[in-house]
Amino acid sequence: MIKYDKLFKTLKENGISQYRLYKYYGISRSQIQRLKNNQSVTTHTLNMILNILGEGFTLNDIAEFIPDTNEI
């Protein structure tokens, strides 16, 4: 599972609100909701967010991989 809890902490630390993502940067409300619920999002959305944050930020700053507990 990929969790996006770090994203919202990073956004807050950098003064970027969810409203700003939607209103000024064109991230759809549905994509923001999907991120809040740790659902799948496109790499395009992740790329847009990293570009908004700027140089020096990586996927590790906005997402965390947690292995599934059920065996495949």
N, C-alpha and C. Protein backbone atom coordinates (compact mmCIF):
# COMPACT_ATOMS: atom_id res chain seq x y z
N MET A 1 0.84 -1.18 0.00
CA MET A 1 0.00 0.00 0.00
C MET A 1 0.89 1.25 0.00
N ILE A 2 0.45 2.22 -0.72
CA ILE A 2 1.15 3.50 -0.73
C ILE A 2 0.29 4.50 0.02
N LYS A 3 0.88 5.13 1.04
CA LYS A 3 0.16 6.10 1.86
C LYS A 3 0.68 7.50 1.55
N TYR A 4 -0.23 8.45 1.54
CA TYR A 4 0.12 9.83 1.21
C TYR A 4 0.02 10.77 2.42
N ASP A 5 0.08 10.22 3.62
CA ASP A 5 0.00 11.05 4.83
C ASP A 5 1.12 12.09 4.87
N LYS A 6 2.29 11.69 4.41
CA LYS A 6 3.44 12.62 4.39
C LYS A 6 3.18 13.82 3.50
N LEU A 7 2.39 13.63 2.46
CA LEU A 7 2.10 14.71 1.52
C LEU A 7 1.47 15.90 2.23
N PHE A 8 0.47 15.64 3.04
CA PHE A 8 -0.27 16.73 3.66
C PHE A 8 0.57 17.43 4.74
N LYS A 9 1.44 16.68 5.37
CA LYS A 9 2.38 17.30 6.33
C LYS A 9 3.37 18.19 5.58
N THR A 10 3.90 17.70 4.48
CA THR A 10 4.86 18.46 3.67
C THR A 10 4.21 19.72 3.10
N LEU A 11 2.99 19.59 2.60
CA LEU A 11 2.28 20.76 2.07
C LEU A 11 2.10 21.82 3.15
N LYS A 12 1.66 21.39 4.33
CA LYS A 12 1.44 22.33 5.43
C LYS A 12 2.74 23.04 5.83
N GLU A 13 3.82 22.28 5.92
CA GLU A 13 5.12 22.86 6.29
C GLU A 13 5.59 23.89 5.27
N ASN A 14 5.12 23.75 4.03
CA ASN A 14 5.54 24.66 2.96
C ASN A 14 4.46 25.68 2.59
N GLY A 15 3.45 25.79 3.42
CA GLY A 15 2.43 26.82 3.24
C GLY A 15 1.53 26.63 2.03
N ILE A 16 1.30 25.39 1.64
CA ILE A 16 0.45 25.10 0.48
C ILE A 16 -0.79 24.37 0.97
N SER A 17 -1.94 24.99 0.78
CA SER A 17 -3.20 24.39 1.22
C SER A 17 -3.81 23.52 0.13
N GLN A 18 -4.74 22.68 0.53
CA GLN A 18 -5.46 21.87 -0.44
C GLN A 18 -6.26 22.78 -1.38
N TYR A 19 -6.79 23.85 -0.85
CA TYR A 19 -7.52 24.82 -1.67
C TYR A 19 -6.60 25.40 -2.75
N ARG A 20 -5.39 25.73 -2.38
CA ARG A 20 -4.43 26.28 -3.34
C ARG A 20 -4.10 25.25 -4.43
N LEU A 21 -3.95 23.98 -4.05
CA LEU A 21 -3.70 22.93 -5.05
C LEU A 21 -4.80 22.92 -6.10
N TYR A 22 -6.03 23.04 -5.61
CA TYR A 22 -7.18 23.00 -6.52
C TYR A 22 -7.33 24.29 -7.31
N LYS A 23 -7.34 25.41 -6.62
CA LYS A 23 -7.67 26.69 -7.22
C LYS A 23 -6.57 27.23 -8.13
N TYR A 24 -5.33 27.16 -7.68
CA TYR A 24 -4.24 27.81 -8.41
C TYR A 24 -3.35 26.87 -9.22
N TYR A 25 -3.31 25.59 -8.82
CA TYR A 25 -2.40 24.67 -9.50
C TYR A 25 -3.10 23.63 -10.36
N GLY A 26 -4.42 23.59 -10.33
CA GLY A 26 -5.16 22.71 -11.22
C GLY A 26 -5.21 21.25 -10.83
N ILE A 27 -4.92 20.93 -9.58
CA ILE A 27 -5.08 19.54 -9.12
C ILE A 27 -6.58 19.38 -8.82
N SER A 28 -7.21 18.38 -9.42
CA SER A 28 -8.65 18.23 -9.25
C SER A 28 -9.00 17.84 -7.82
N ARG A 29 -10.21 18.22 -7.43
CA ARG A 29 -10.68 17.88 -6.09
C ARG A 29 -10.74 16.36 -5.90
N SER A 30 -11.10 15.67 -6.97
CA SER A 30 -11.18 14.21 -6.87
C SER A 30 -9.81 13.59 -6.63
N GLN A 31 -8.77 14.15 -7.24
CA GLN A 31 -7.42 13.63 -7.01
C GLN A 31 -6.96 13.92 -5.59
N ILE A 32 -7.30 15.09 -5.08
CA ILE A 32 -6.95 15.43 -3.69
C ILE A 32 -7.67 14.47 -2.74
N GLN A 33 -8.93 14.19 -3.02
CA GLN A 33 -9.68 13.26 -2.18
C GLN A 33 -9.08 11.86 -2.25
N ARG A 34 -8.66 11.44 -3.42
CA ARG A 34 -8.04 10.12 -3.58
C ARG A 34 -6.74 10.05 -2.77
N LEU A 35 -5.97 11.12 -2.78
CA LEU A 35 -4.74 11.18 -1.99
C LEU A 35 -5.05 11.10 -0.49
N LYS A 36 -6.08 11.81 -0.06
CA LYS A 36 -6.47 11.80 1.35
C LYS A 36 -6.89 10.41 1.81
N ASN A 37 -7.48 9.65 0.89
CA ASN A 37 -7.95 8.30 1.21
C ASN A 37 -6.95 7.21 0.85
N ASN A 38 -5.73 7.60 0.49
CA ASN A 38 -4.67 6.66 0.12
C ASN A 38 -5.10 5.73 -1.01
N GLN A 39 -5.84 6.27 -1.97
CA GLN A 39 -6.24 5.51 -3.14
C GLN A 39 -5.24 5.78 -4.27
N SER A 40 -5.37 5.03 -5.33
CA SER A 40 -4.43 5.19 -6.43
C SER A 40 -4.64 6.53 -7.14
N VAL A 41 -3.53 7.13 -7.52
CA VAL A 41 -3.53 8.37 -8.31
C VAL A 41 -2.52 8.18 -9.44
N THR A 42 -2.62 9.03 -10.43
CA THR A 42 -1.71 8.91 -11.57
C THR A 42 -0.33 9.46 -11.23
N THR A 43 0.65 8.99 -11.96
CA THR A 43 1.99 9.55 -11.80
C THR A 43 2.02 11.01 -12.25
N HIS A 44 1.12 11.37 -13.15
CA HIS A 44 1.01 12.76 -13.58
C HIS A 44 0.67 13.66 -12.40
N THR A 45 -0.27 13.24 -11.56
CA THR A 45 -0.64 14.01 -10.38
C THR A 45 0.53 14.13 -9.42
N LEU A 46 1.23 13.03 -9.17
CA LEU A 46 2.39 13.06 -8.28
C LEU A 46 3.46 13.99 -8.83
N ASN A 47 3.68 13.94 -10.14
CA ASN A 47 4.65 14.81 -10.80
C ASN A 47 4.27 16.28 -10.64
N MET A 48 2.98 16.58 -10.81
CA MET A 48 2.51 17.97 -10.64
C MET A 48 2.77 18.46 -9.22
N ILE A 49 2.48 17.63 -8.24
CA ILE A 49 2.68 18.03 -6.85
C ILE A 49 4.16 18.26 -6.55
N LEU A 50 5.02 17.39 -7.04
CA LEU A 50 6.46 17.57 -6.82
C LEU A 50 6.96 18.83 -7.51
N ASN A 51 6.43 19.15 -8.67
CA ASN A 51 6.81 20.40 -9.35
C ASN A 51 6.32 21.62 -8.57
N ILE A 52 5.16 21.51 -7.95
CA ILE A 52 4.65 22.60 -7.12
C ILE A 52 5.56 22.80 -5.91
N LEU A 53 5.96 21.72 -5.29
CA LEU A 53 6.84 21.82 -4.11
C LEU A 53 8.21 22.37 -4.49
N GLY A 54 8.69 21.97 -5.65
CA GLY A 54 9.95 22.52 -6.13
C GLY A 54 11.14 21.59 -6.01
N GLU A 55 12.26 22.11 -6.42
CA GLU A 55 13.50 21.35 -6.45
C GLU A 55 13.87 20.86 -5.04
N GLY A 56 14.38 19.66 -5.00
CA GLY A 56 14.83 19.09 -3.74
C GLY A 56 13.83 18.15 -3.10
N PHE A 57 12.59 18.13 -3.59
CA PHE A 57 11.58 17.23 -3.05
C PHE A 57 11.51 15.96 -3.90
N THR A 58 11.27 14.84 -3.24
CA THR A 58 11.18 13.55 -3.93
C THR A 58 9.90 12.85 -3.51
N LEU A 59 9.64 11.71 -4.12
CA LEU A 59 8.47 10.91 -3.74
C LEU A 59 8.51 10.54 -2.26
N ASN A 60 9.70 10.36 -1.71
CA ASN A 60 9.80 10.02 -0.29
C ASN A 60 9.27 11.13 0.61
N ASP A 61 9.19 12.34 0.11
CA ASP A 61 8.66 13.45 0.89
C ASP A 61 7.13 13.49 0.91
N ILE A 62 6.51 12.79 -0.02
CA ILE A 62 5.05 12.86 -0.12
C ILE A 62 4.35 11.50 -0.02
N ALA A 63 5.09 10.42 -0.11
CA ALA A 63 4.47 9.10 -0.08
C ALA A 63 5.33 8.11 0.70
N GLU A 64 4.65 7.07 1.18
CA GLU A 64 5.34 6.03 1.94
C GLU A 64 4.80 4.67 1.49
N PHE A 65 5.70 3.74 1.23
CA PHE A 65 5.30 2.40 0.84
C PHE A 65 5.25 1.51 2.07
N ILE A 66 4.12 0.87 2.26
CA ILE A 66 3.95 -0.09 3.36
C ILE A 66 3.52 -1.41 2.74
N PRO A 67 4.35 -2.45 2.89
CA PRO A 67 4.00 -3.73 2.28
C PRO A 67 2.64 -4.25 2.78
N ASP A 68 1.89 -4.85 1.88
CA ASP A 68 0.62 -5.46 2.26
C ASP A 68 0.89 -6.63 3.21
N THR A 69 0.02 -6.80 4.18
CA THR A 69 0.22 -7.88 5.15
C THR A 69 -0.31 -9.22 4.66
N ASN A 70 -1.27 -9.19 3.75
CA ASN A 70 -1.78 -10.46 3.22
C ASN A 70 -0.85 -10.97 2.12
N GLU A 71 -0.61 -12.26 2.16
CA GLU A 71 0.30 -12.85 1.18
C GLU A 71 -0.40 -13.05 -0.16
N ILE A 72 0.37 -12.90 -1.20
CA ILE A 72 -0.17 -13.07 -2.55
C ILE A 72 -0.02 -14.49 -2.99
